[in-house]
PDB file of N, CA and C in Angstrom:
ATOM      1  N   MET A   1       0.848  -1.157   0.000  1.00  0.00           N
ATOM      2  CA  MET A   1       0.000   0.000   0.000  1.00  0.00           C
ATOM      3  C   MET A   1       0.904   1.233   0.000  1.00  0.00           C
ATOM      4  N   LEU A   2       0.599   2.191  -0.875  1.00  0.00           N
ATOM      5  CA  LEU A   2       1.348   3.443  -0.989  1.00  0.00           C
ATOM      6  C   LEU A   2       0.502   4.578  -0.455  1.00  0.00           C
ATOM      7  N   PHE A   3       1.125   5.456   0.347  1.00  0.00           N
ATOM      8  CA  PHE A   3       0.421   6.657   0.797  1.00  0.00           C
ATOM      9  C   PHE A   3       1.427   7.741   1.166  1.00  0.00           C
ATOM     10  N   GLY A   4       0.955   8.971   1.172  1.00  0.00           N
ATOM     11  CA  GLY A   4       1.773  10.106   1.558  1.00  0.00           C
ATOM     12  C   GLY A   4       1.271  10.697   2.868  1.00  0.00           C
ATOM     13  N   SER A   5       2.199  11.229   3.644  1.00  0.00           N
ATOM     14  CA  SER A   5       1.869  11.916   4.886  1.00  0.00           C
ATOM     15  C   SER A   5       2.923  12.982   5.106  1.00  0.00           C
ATOM     16  N   GLY A   6       2.487  14.227   5.184  1.00  0.00           N
ATOM     17  CA  GLY A   6       3.450  15.315   5.304  1.00  0.00           C
ATOM     18  C   GLY A   6       4.314  15.369   4.058  1.00  0.00           C
ATOM     19  N   LYS A   7       5.613  15.422   4.237  1.00  0.00           N
ATOM     20  CA  LYS A   7       6.554  15.506   3.114  1.00  0.00           C
ATOM     21  C   LYS A   7       7.062  14.136   2.672  1.00  0.00           C
ATOM     22  N   GLU A   8       6.526  13.065   3.261  1.00  0.00           N
ATOM     23  CA  GLU A   8       7.064  11.723   3.029  1.00  0.00           C
ATOM     24  C   GLU A   8       6.085  10.827   2.283  1.00  0.00           C
ATOM     25  N   LEU A   9       6.654   9.836   1.599  1.00  0.00           N
ATOM     26  CA  LEU A   9       5.889   8.745   1.003  1.00  0.00           C
ATOM     27  C   LEU A   9       6.189   7.475   1.789  1.00  0.00           C
ATOM     28  N   PHE A  10       5.203   6.600   1.873  1.00  0.00           N
ATOM     29  CA  PHE A  10       5.318   5.345   2.610  1.00  0.00           C
ATOM     30  C   PHE A  10       4.831   4.196   1.740  1.00  0.00           C
ATOM     31  N   ILE A  11       5.534   3.079   1.809  1.00  0.00           N
ATOM     32  CA  ILE A  11       5.054   1.819   1.247  1.00  0.00           C
ATOM     33  C   ILE A  11       4.927   0.858   2.413  1.00  0.00           C
ATOM     34  N   LYS A  12       3.689   0.464   2.698  1.00  0.00           N
ATOM     35  CA  LYS A  12       3.423  -0.451   3.799  1.00  0.00           C
ATOM     36  C   LYS A  12       3.028  -1.799   3.213  1.00  0.00           C
ATOM     37  N   PRO A  13       3.888  -2.810   3.370  1.00  0.00           N
ATOM     38  CA  PRO A  13       3.531  -4.154   2.886  1.00  0.00           C
ATOM     39  C   PRO A  13       2.310  -4.692   3.632  1.00  0.00           C
ATOM     40  N   LEU A  14       1.523  -5.470   2.948  1.00  0.00           N
ATOM     41  CA  LEU A  14       0.330  -6.037   3.569  1.00  0.00           C
ATOM     42  C   LEU A  14       0.635  -7.293   4.383  1.00  0.00           C
ATOM     43  N   ASN A  15       1.862  -7.805   4.287  1.00  0.00           N
ATOM     44  CA  ASN A  15       2.262  -8.964   5.076  1.00  0.00           C
ATOM     45  C   ASN A  15       2.534  -8.541   6.513  1.00  0.00           C
ATOM     46  N   PRO A  16       1.965  -9.230   7.494  1.00  0.00           N
ATOM     47  CA  PRO A  16       2.229  -8.885   8.894  1.00  0.00           C
ATOM     48  C   PRO A  16       3.722  -9.010   9.219  1.00  0.00           C
ATOM     49  N   GLY A  17       4.237  -8.062   9.955  1.00  0.00           N
ATOM     50  CA  GLY A  17       5.629  -8.102  10.372  1.00  0.00           C
ATOM     51  C   GLY A  17       6.616  -7.525   9.366  1.00  0.00           C
ATOM     52  N   SER A  18       6.156  -7.193   8.163  1.00  0.00           N
ATOM     53  CA  SER A  18       7.046  -6.604   7.160  1.00  0.00           C
ATOM     54  C   SER A  18       7.296  -5.141   7.484  1.00  0.00           C
ATOM     55  N   LYS A  19       8.494  -4.685   7.172  1.00  0.00           N
ATOM     56  CA  LYS A  19       8.903  -3.327   7.501  1.00  0.00           C
ATOM     57  C   LYS A  19       8.354  -2.315   6.488  1.00  0.00           C
ATOM     58  N   THR A  20       7.889  -1.177   7.002  1.00  0.00           N
ATOM     59  CA  THR A  20       7.400  -0.086   6.164  1.00  0.00           C
ATOM     60  C   THR A  20       8.585   0.689   5.602  1.00  0.00           C
ATOM     61  N   LEU A  21       8.534   0.979   4.309  1.00  0.00           N
ATOM     62  CA  LEU A  21       9.553   1.798   3.651  1.00  0.00           C
ATOM     63  C   LEU A  21       9.042   3.228   3.607  1.00  0.00           C
ATOM     64  N   LYS A  22       9.870   4.197   4.038  1.00  0.00           N
ATOM     65  CA  LYS A  22       9.471   5.598   3.961  1.00  0.00           C
ATOM     66  C   LYS A  22      10.652   6.443   3.539  1.00  0.00           C
ATOM     67  N   TRP A  23      10.339   7.555   2.844  1.00  0.00           N
ATOM     68  CA  TRP A  23      11.391   8.481   2.416  1.00  0.00           C
ATOM     69  C   TRP A  23      10.802   9.877   2.244  1.00  0.00           C
ATOM     70  N   LYS A  24      11.674  10.877   2.381  1.00  0.00           N
ATOM     71  CA  LYS A  24      11.263  12.256   2.134  1.00  0.00           C
ATOM     72  C   LYS A  24      11.083  12.409   0.633  1.00  0.00           C
ATOM     73  N   ALA A  25       9.883  12.805   0.232  1.00  0.00           N
ATOM     74  CA  ALA A  25       9.556  12.858  -1.181  1.00  0.00           C
ATOM     75  C   ALA A  25       9.523  14.284  -1.732  1.00  0.00           C
ATOM     76  N   HIS A  26       9.062  15.233  -0.939  1.00  0.00           N
ATOM     77  CA  HIS A  26       8.885  16.602  -1.418  1.00  0.00           C
ATOM     78  C   HIS A  26       9.299  17.592  -0.337  1.00  0.00           C
ATOM     79  N   ASP A  27       9.546  18.837  -0.774  1.00  0.00           N
ATOM     80  CA  ASP A  27       9.856  19.910   0.176  1.00  0.00           C
ATOM     81  C   ASP A  27       8.590  20.504   0.776  1.00  0.00           C
ATOM     82  N   GLY A  28       7.447  20.225   0.186  1.00  0.00           N
ATOM     83  CA  GLY A  28       6.147  20.607   0.727  1.00  0.00           C
ATOM     84  C   GLY A  28       5.340  19.348   0.959  1.00  0.00           C
ATOM     85  N   VAL A  29       4.110  19.508   1.385  1.00  0.00           N
ATOM     86  CA  VAL A  29       3.235  18.372   1.666  1.00  0.00           C
ATOM     87  C   VAL A  29       2.957  17.593   0.377  1.00  0.00           C
ATOM     88  N   VAL A  30       3.011  16.270   0.459  1.00  0.00           N
ATOM     89  CA  VAL A  30       2.638  15.400  -0.660  1.00  0.00           C
ATOM     90  C   VAL A  30       1.121  15.457  -0.787  1.00  0.00           C
ATOM     91  N   LEU A  31       0.641  15.879  -1.964  1.00  0.00           N
ATOM     92  CA  LEU A  31      -0.803  15.996  -2.168  1.00  0.00           C
ATOM     93  C   LEU A  31      -1.398  14.784  -2.872  1.00  0.00           C
ATOM     94  N   ARG A  32      -0.647  14.155  -3.769  1.00  0.00           N
ATOM     95  CA  ARG A  32      -1.140  12.991  -4.501  1.00  0.00           C
ATOM     96  C   ARG A  32      -0.003  12.043  -4.830  1.00  0.00           C
ATOM     97  N   CYS A  33      -0.350  10.754  -4.950  1.00  0.00           N
ATOM     98  CA  CYS A  33       0.615   9.758  -5.401  1.00  0.00           C
ATOM     99  C   CYS A  33      -0.146   8.627  -6.079  1.00  0.00           C
ATOM    100  N   ASP A  34       0.546   7.918  -6.958  1.00  0.00           N
ATOM    101  CA  ASP A  34      -0.053   6.787  -7.659  1.00  0.00           C
ATOM    102  C   ASP A  34       1.064   5.806  -8.006  1.00  0.00           C
ATOM    103  N   TRP A  35       0.734   4.528  -7.997  1.00  0.00           N
ATOM    104  CA  TRP A  35       1.704   3.467  -8.226  1.00  0.00           C
ATOM    105  C   TRP A  35       1.215   2.621  -9.398  1.00  0.00           C
ATOM    106  N   SER A  36       2.036   2.468 -10.412  1.00  0.00           N
ATOM    107  CA  SER A  36       1.688   1.616 -11.545  1.00  0.00           C
ATOM    108  C   SER A  36       2.130   0.193 -11.240  1.00  0.00           C
ATOM    109  N   ALA A  37       1.176  -0.709 -11.182  1.00  0.00           N
ATOM    110  CA  ALA A  37       1.491  -2.117 -10.929  1.00  0.00           C
ATOM    111  C   ALA A  37       2.219  -2.745 -12.114  1.00  0.00           C
ATOM    112  N   LEU A  38       2.022  -2.202 -13.311  1.00  0.00           N
ATOM    113  CA  LEU A  38       2.641  -2.778 -14.504  1.00  0.00           C
ATOM    114  C   LEU A  38       4.128  -2.473 -14.612  1.00  0.00           C
ATOM    115  N   ASN A  39       4.537  -1.269 -14.229  1.00  0.00           N
ATOM    116  CA  ASN A  39       5.956  -0.931 -14.354  1.00  0.00           C
ATOM    117  C   ASN A  39       6.634  -0.671 -13.002  1.00  0.00           C
ATOM    118  N   SER A  40       5.934  -0.919 -11.904  1.00  0.00           N
ATOM    119  CA  SER A  40       6.465  -0.745 -10.532  1.00  0.00           C
ATOM    120  C   SER A  40       7.075   0.629 -10.313  1.00  0.00           C
ATOM    121  N   THR A  41       6.444   1.645 -10.893  1.00  0.00           N
ATOM    122  CA  THR A  41       6.921   3.011 -10.771  1.00  0.00           C
ATOM    123  C   THR A  41       5.869   3.858 -10.081  1.00  0.00           C
ATOM    124  N   ILE A  42       6.338   4.781  -9.250  1.00  0.00           N
ATOM    125  CA  ILE A  42       5.483   5.645  -8.441  1.00  0.00           C
ATOM    126  C   ILE A  42       5.623   7.072  -8.946  1.00  0.00           C
ATOM    127  N   ILE A  43       4.505   7.804  -8.966  1.00  0.00           N
ATOM    128  CA  ILE A  43       4.546   9.239  -9.226  1.00  0.00           C
ATOM    129  C   ILE A  43       3.944   9.952  -8.027  1.00  0.00           C
ATOM    130  N   SER A  44       4.451  11.152  -7.755  1.00  0.00           N
ATOM    131  CA  SER A  44       3.920  11.946  -6.649  1.00  0.00           C
ATOM    132  C   SER A  44       3.912  13.410  -7.047  1.00  0.00           C
ATOM    133  N   GLY A  45       3.027  14.146  -6.431  1.00  0.00           N
ATOM    134  CA  GLY A  45       2.942  15.587  -6.650  1.00  0.00           C
ATOM    135  C   GLY A  45       2.734  16.267  -5.316  1.00  0.00           C
ATOM    136  N   GLY A  46       3.251  17.495  -5.192  1.00  0.00           N
ATOM    137  CA  GLY A  46       3.156  18.138  -3.896  1.00  0.00           C
ATOM    138  C   GLY A  46       3.044  19.649  -3.937  1.00  0.00           C
ATOM    139  N   GLU A  47       2.990  20.206  -2.736  1.00  0.00           N
ATOM    140  CA  GLU A  47       2.897  21.650  -2.564  1.00  0.00           C
ATOM    141  C   GLU A  47       4.170  22.371  -2.983  1.00  0.00           C
ATOM    142  N   ASP A  48       5.249  21.639  -3.205  1.00  0.00           N
ATOM    143  CA  ASP A  48       6.485  22.262  -3.675  1.00  0.00           C
ATOM    144  C   ASP A  48       6.444  22.534  -5.184  1.00  0.00           C
ATOM    145  N   CYS A  49       5.264  22.311  -5.806  1.00  0.00           N
ATOM    146  CA  CYS A  49       5.008  22.620  -7.225  1.00  0.00           C
ATOM    147  C   CYS A  49       5.785  21.718  -8.181  1.00  0.00           C
ATOM    148  N   ARG A  50       6.154  20.529  -7.743  1.00  0.00           N
ATOM    149  CA  ARG A  50       6.880  19.564  -8.571  1.00  0.00           C
ATOM    150  C   ARG A  50       6.138  18.234  -8.592  1.00  0.00           C
ATOM    151  N   TYR A  51       6.353  17.486  -9.664  1.00  0.00           N
ATOM    152  CA  TYR A  51       5.974  16.075  -9.661  1.00  0.00           C
ATOM    153  C   TYR A  51       7.260  15.267  -9.798  1.00  0.00           C
ATOM    154  N   LYS A  52       7.237  14.064  -9.238  1.00  0.00           N
ATOM    155  CA  LYS A  52       8.431  13.222  -9.227  1.00  0.00           C
ATOM    156  C   LYS A  52       8.063  11.787  -9.578  1.00  0.00           C
ATOM    157  N   VAL A  53       9.029  11.096 -10.177  1.00  0.00           N
ATOM    158  CA  VAL A  53       8.878   9.682 -10.531  1.00  0.00           C
ATOM    159  C   VAL A  53       9.882   8.900  -9.695  1.00  0.00           C
ATOM    160  N   TRP A  54       9.421   7.809  -9.075  1.00  0.00           N
ATOM    161  CA  TRP A  54      10.226   6.992  -8.165  1.00  0.00           C
ATOM    162  C   TRP A  54      10.164   5.536  -8.590  1.00  0.00           C
ATOM    163  N   ASP A  55      11.195   4.773  -8.234  1.00  0.00           N
ATOM    164  CA  ASP A  55      11.065   3.324  -8.362  1.00  0.00           C
ATOM    165  C   ASP A  55      10.412   2.805  -7.081  1.00  0.00           C
ATOM    166  N   CYS A  56      10.133   1.517  -7.022  1.00  0.00           N
ATOM    167  CA  CYS A  56       9.399   0.967  -5.870  1.00  0.00           C
ATOM    168  C   CYS A  56      10.261   0.838  -4.610  1.00  0.00           C
ATOM    169  N   TYR A  57      11.537   1.264  -4.679  1.00  0.00           N
ATOM    170  CA  TYR A  57      12.418   1.267  -3.517  1.00  0.00           C
ATOM    171  C   TYR A  57      12.642   2.688  -2.981  1.00  0.00           C
ATOM    172  N   GLY A  58      11.947   3.660  -3.562  1.00  0.00           N
ATOM    173  CA  GLY A  58      12.069   5.038  -3.108  1.00  0.00           C
ATOM    174  C   GLY A  58      13.206   5.815  -3.728  1.00  0.00           C
ATOM    175  N   ARG A  59      13.781   5.293  -4.806  1.00  0.00           N
ATOM    176  CA  ARG A  59      14.861   6.007  -5.501  1.00  0.00           C
ATOM    177  C   ARG A  59      14.263   6.944  -6.543  1.00  0.00           C
ATOM    178  N   LEU A  60      14.715   8.194  -6.530  1.00  0.00           N
ATOM    179  CA  LEU A  60      14.215   9.198  -7.453  1.00  0.00           C
ATOM    180  C   LEU A  60      14.703   8.920  -8.875  1.00  0.00           C
ATOM    181  N   LEU A  61      13.760   8.846  -9.823  1.00  0.00           N
ATOM    182  CA  LEU A  61      14.088   8.628 -11.223  1.00  0.00           C
ATOM    183  C   LEU A  61      13.967   9.909 -12.040  1.00  0.00           C
ATOM    184  N   TYR A  62      13.047  10.792 -11.656  1.00  0.00           N
ATOM    185  CA  TYR A  62      12.837  12.045 -12.384  1.00  0.00           C
ATOM    186  C   TYR A  62      12.203  13.062 -11.439  1.00  0.00           C
ATOM    187  N   GLN A  63      12.612  14.314 -11.595  1.00  0.00           N
ATOM    188  CA  GLN A  63      12.021  15.418 -10.842  1.00  0.00           C
ATOM    189  C   GLN A  63      11.743  16.549 -11.822  1.00  0.00           C
ATOM    190  N   SER A  64      10.517  17.047 -11.844  1.00  0.00           N
ATOM    191  CA  SER A  64      10.173  18.130 -12.757  1.00  0.00           C
ATOM    192  C   SER A  64      10.750  19.450 -12.263  1.00  0.00           C
ATOM    193  N   ALA A  65      10.818  20.399 -13.171  1.00  0.00           N
ATOM    194  CA  ALA A  65      11.112  21.775 -12.769  1.00  0.00           C
ATOM    195  C   ALA A  65       9.898  22.275 -11.981  1.00  0.00           C
ATOM    196  N   PRO A  66      10.077  23.252 -11.109  1.00  0.00           N
ATOM    197  CA  PRO A  66       8.916  23.747 -10.359  1.00  0.00           C
ATOM    198  C   PRO A  66       7.920  24.461 -11.277  1.00  0.00           C
ATOM    199  N   TYR A  67       6.648  24.221 -11.042  1.00  0.00           N
ATOM    200  CA  TYR A  67       5.575  24.906 -11.763  1.00  0.00           C
ATOM    201  C   TYR A  67       5.095  26.077 -10.924  1.00  0.00           C
ATOM    202  N   ASN A  68       4.149  26.847 -11.437  1.00  0.00           N
ATOM    203  CA  ASN A  68       3.663  28.030 -10.728  1.00  0.00           C
ATOM    204  C   ASN A  68       2.734  27.688  -9.568  1.00  0.00           C
ATOM    205  N   TYR A  69       2.104  26.525  -9.637  1.00  0.00           N
ATOM    206  CA  TYR A  69       1.133  26.133  -8.614  1.00  0.00           C
ATOM    207  C   TYR A  69       1.413  24.702  -8.154  1.00  0.00           C
ATOM    208  N   ALA A  70       0.861  24.367  -7.003  1.00  0.00           N
ATOM    209  CA  ALA A  70       1.024  23.019  -6.447  1.00  0.00           C
ATOM    210  C   ALA A  70       0.473  21.977  -7.412  1.00  0.00           C
ATOM    211  N   ILE A  71       1.088  20.805  -7.413  1.00  0.00           N
ATOM    212  CA  ILE A  71       0.610  19.672  -8.217  1.00  0.00           C
ATOM    213  C   ILE A  71      -0.482  18.986  -7.396  1.00  0.00           C
ATOM    214  N   THR A  72      -1.719  19.056  -7.887  1.00  0.00           N
ATOM    215  CA  THR A  72      -2.863  18.580  -7.111  1.00  0.00           C
ATOM    216  C   THR A  72      -3.402  17.227  -7.558  1.00  0.00           C
ATOM    217  N   SER A  73      -2.903  16.707  -8.689  1.00  0.00           N
ATOM    218  CA  SER A  73      -3.343  15.374  -9.098  1.00  0.00           C
ATOM    219  C   SER A  73      -2.290  14.716  -9.983  1.00  0.00           C
ATOM    220  N   VAL A  74      -2.141  13.424  -9.814  1.00  0.00           N
ATOM    221  CA  VAL A  74      -1.287  12.585 -10.656  1.00  0.00           C
ATOM    222  C   VAL A  74      -1.982  11.237 -10.805  1.00  0.00           C
ATOM    223  N   ALA A  75      -1.895  10.638 -11.990  1.00  0.00           N
ATOM    224  CA  ALA A  75      -2.522   9.330 -12.198  1.00  0.00           C
ATOM    225  C   ALA A  75      -1.908   8.633 -13.406  1.00  0.00           C
ATOM    226  N   TRP A  76      -1.595   7.353 -13.239  1.00  0.00           N
ATOM    227  CA  TRP A  76      -1.111   6.517 -14.338  1.00  0.00           C
ATOM    228  C   TRP A  76      -2.290   6.115 -15.216  1.00  0.00           C
ATOM    229  N   ASN A  77      -2.047   5.932 -16.511  1.00  0.00           N
ATOM    230  CA  ASN A  77      -3.070   5.307 -17.356  1.00  0.00           C
ATOM    231  C   ASN A  77      -2.993   3.797 -17.112  1.00  0.00           C
ATOM    232  N   PRO A  78      -4.017   3.048 -17.485  1.00  0.00           N
ATOM    233  CA  PRO A  78      -4.033   1.612 -17.174  1.00  0.00           C
ATOM    234  C   PRO A  78      -2.854   0.810 -17.725  1.00  0.00           C
ATOM    235  N   SER A  79      -2.293   1.224 -18.867  1.00  0.00           N
ATOM    236  CA  SER A  79      -1.184   0.461 -19.439  1.00  0.00           C
ATOM    237  C   SER A  79       0.170   0.836 -18.844  1.00  0.00           C
ATOM    238  N   GLY A  80       0.250   1.897 -18.034  1.00  0.00           N
ATOM    239  CA  GLY A  80       1.481   2.264 -17.352  1.00  0.00           C
ATOM    240  C   GLY A  80       2.543   2.907 -18.220  1.00  0.00           C
ATOM    241  N   ASP A  81       2.167   3.361 -19.421  1.00  0.00           N
ATOM    242  CA  ASP A  81       3.181   3.980 -20.281  1.00  0.00           C
ATOM    243  C   ASP A  81       3.135   5.506 -20.267  1.00  0.00           C
ATOM    244  N   ILE A  82       2.040   6.101 -19.806  1.00  0.00           N
ATOM    245  CA  ILE A  82       1.958   7.556 -19.632  1.00  0.00           C
ATOM    246  C   ILE A  82       1.187   7.863 -18.356  1.00  0.00           C
ATOM    247  N   PHE A  83       1.363   9.075 -17.863  1.00  0.00           N
ATOM    248  CA  PHE A  83       0.589   9.511 -16.712  1.00  0.00           C
ATOM    249  C   PHE A  83       0.178  10.967 -16.892  1.00  0.00           C
ATOM    250  N   ALA A  84      -0.845  11.362 -16.149  1.00  0.00           N
ATOM    251  CA  ALA A  84      -1.357  12.726 -16.193  1.00  0.00           C
ATOM    252  C   ALA A  84      -0.936  13.458 -14.932  1.00  0.00           C
ATOM    253  N   VAL A  85      -0.659  14.750 -15.085  1.00  0.00           N
ATOM    254  CA  VAL A  85      -0.297  15.622 -13.971  1.00  0.00           C
ATOM    255  C   VAL A  85      -1.208  16.837 -14.043  1.00  0.00           C
ATOM    256  N   GLY A  86      -1.872  17.151 -12.941  1.00  0.00           N
ATOM    257  CA  GLY A  86      -2.770  18.295 -12.912  1.00  0.00           C
ATOM    258  C   GLY A  86      -2.355  19.321 -11.880  1.00  0.00           C
ATOM    259  N   SER A  87      -2.576  20.574 -12.240  1.00  0.00           N
ATOM    260  CA  SER A  87      -2.314  21.714 -11.367  1.00  0.00           C
ATOM    261  C   SER A  87      -3.373  22.757 -11.698  1.00  0.00           C
ATOM    262  N   PHE A  88      -3.335  23.912 -11.052  1.00  0.00           N
ATOM    263  CA  PHE A  88      -4.316  24.956 -11.324  1.00  0.00           C
ATOM    264  C   PHE A  88      -4.311  25.311 -12.801  1.00  0.00           C
ATOM    265  N   ASN A  89      -5.466  25.136 -13.450  1.00  0.00           N
ATOM    266  CA  ASN A  89      -5.655  25.528 -14.846  1.00  0.00           C
ATOM    267  C   ASN A  89      -4.657  24.850 -15.787  1.00  0.00           C
ATOM    268  N   SER A  90      -4.202  23.647 -15.447  1.00  0.00           N
ATOM    269  CA  SER A  90      -3.168  22.983 -16.237  1.00  0.00           C
ATOM    270  C   SER A  90      -3.321  21.464 -16.154  1.00  0.00           C
ATOM    271  N   LEU A  91      -3.120  20.803 -17.283  1.00  0.00           N
ATOM    272  CA  LEU A  91      -3.103  19.348 -17.342  1.00  0.00           C
ATOM    273  C   LEU A  91      -2.028  18.934 -18.338  1.00  0.00           C
ATOM    274  N   MET A  92      -1.153  18.025 -17.930  1.00  0.00           N
ATOM    275  CA  MET A  92      -0.068  17.561 -18.792  1.00  0.00           C
ATOM    276  C   MET A  92      -0.095  16.042 -18.883  1.00  0.00           C
ATOM    277  N   LEU A  93       0.329  15.521 -20.015  1.00  0.00           N
ATOM    278  CA  LEU A  93       0.564  14.091 -20.173  1.00  0.00           C
ATOM    279  C   LEU A  93       2.063  13.887 -20.241  1.00  0.00           C
ATOM    280  N   CYS A  94       2.549  12.890 -19.514  1.00  0.00           N
ATOM    281  CA  CYS A  94       3.986  12.621 -19.452  1.00  0.00           C
ATOM    282  C   CYS A  94       4.234  11.154 -19.775  1.00  0.00           C
ATOM    283  N   ASP A  95       5.398  10.867 -20.376  1.00  0.00           N
ATOM    284  CA  ASP A  95       5.752   9.468 -20.592  1.00  0.00           C
ATOM    285  C   ASP A  95       6.238   8.873 -19.270  1.00  0.00           C
ATOM    286  N   LYS A  96       6.435   7.559 -19.250  1.00  0.00           N
ATOM    287  CA  LYS A  96       6.756   6.885 -17.983  1.00  0.00           C
ATOM    288  C   LYS A  96       8.078   7.303 -17.364  1.00  0.00           C
ATOM    289  N   THR A  97       8.933   7.979 -18.133  1.00  0.00           N
ATOM    290  CA  THR A  97      10.199   8.483 -17.573  1.00  0.00           C
ATOM    291  C   THR A  97      10.050   9.861 -16.943  1.00  0.00           C
ATOM    292  N   GLY A  98       8.891  10.509 -17.146  1.00  0.00           N
ATOM    293  CA  GLY A  98       8.625  11.807 -16.529  1.00  0.00           C
ATOM    294  C   GLY A  98       8.577  12.978 -17.469  1.00  0.00           C
ATOM    295  N   TRP A  99       9.048  12.799 -18.705  1.00  0.00           N
ATOM    296  CA  TRP A  99       9.090  13.918 -19.654  1.00  0.00           C
ATOM    297  C   TRP A  99       7.696  14.232 -20.175  1.00  0.00           C
ATOM    298  N   ALA A 100       7.365  15.521 -20.172  1.00  0.00           N
ATOM    299  CA  ALA A 100       6.062  15.971 -20.663  1.00  0.00           C
ATOM    300  C   ALA A 100       5.962  15.722 -22.167  1.00  0.00           C
ATOM    301  N   CYS A 101       4.850  15.171 -22.600  1.00  0.00           N
ATOM    302  CA  CYS A 101       4.600  14.926 -24.025  1.00  0.00           C
ATOM    303  C   CYS A 101       4.169  16.236 -24.658  1.00  0.00           C
ATOM    304  N   ARG A 102       4.794  16.587 -25.736  1.00  0.00           N
ATOM    305  CA  ARG A 102       4.477  17.863 -26.413  1.00  0.00           C
ATOM    306  C   ARG A 102       3.770  17.592 -27.712  1.00  0.00           C
TER     307      ARG A 102
END
C-alpha cells in the first residue's frame, strides 16, 4: 500500500511483520501519489510545485522543474506507459520516464 503523509511517502507491505519503507519525497506536503502495478513506478505531486517519478524502492528517477502552482493530481493510465499531472488551470501528459509529451 502506498500513501503520503506530510513531506514523506510510505510503502506499507500487507504482510504482517514486514517493515514499512518511507522516504522524504517533497519539500512541501505530498498531495497525490499513484503506483503503476505494470511498471512498478510511483509518481507523486506536492505543494512544492513539482511532480516526481520513483522506483518501488524510493529512488528518485525524475524530478520536474517547479511549476507556478502546487501539483494537485497525478494518475497513471491503465497500461502504465503515460501519466497525467494536474495543477491549477493545467493538465499535462507525461511518458513513464517523466518527460512531458508535447
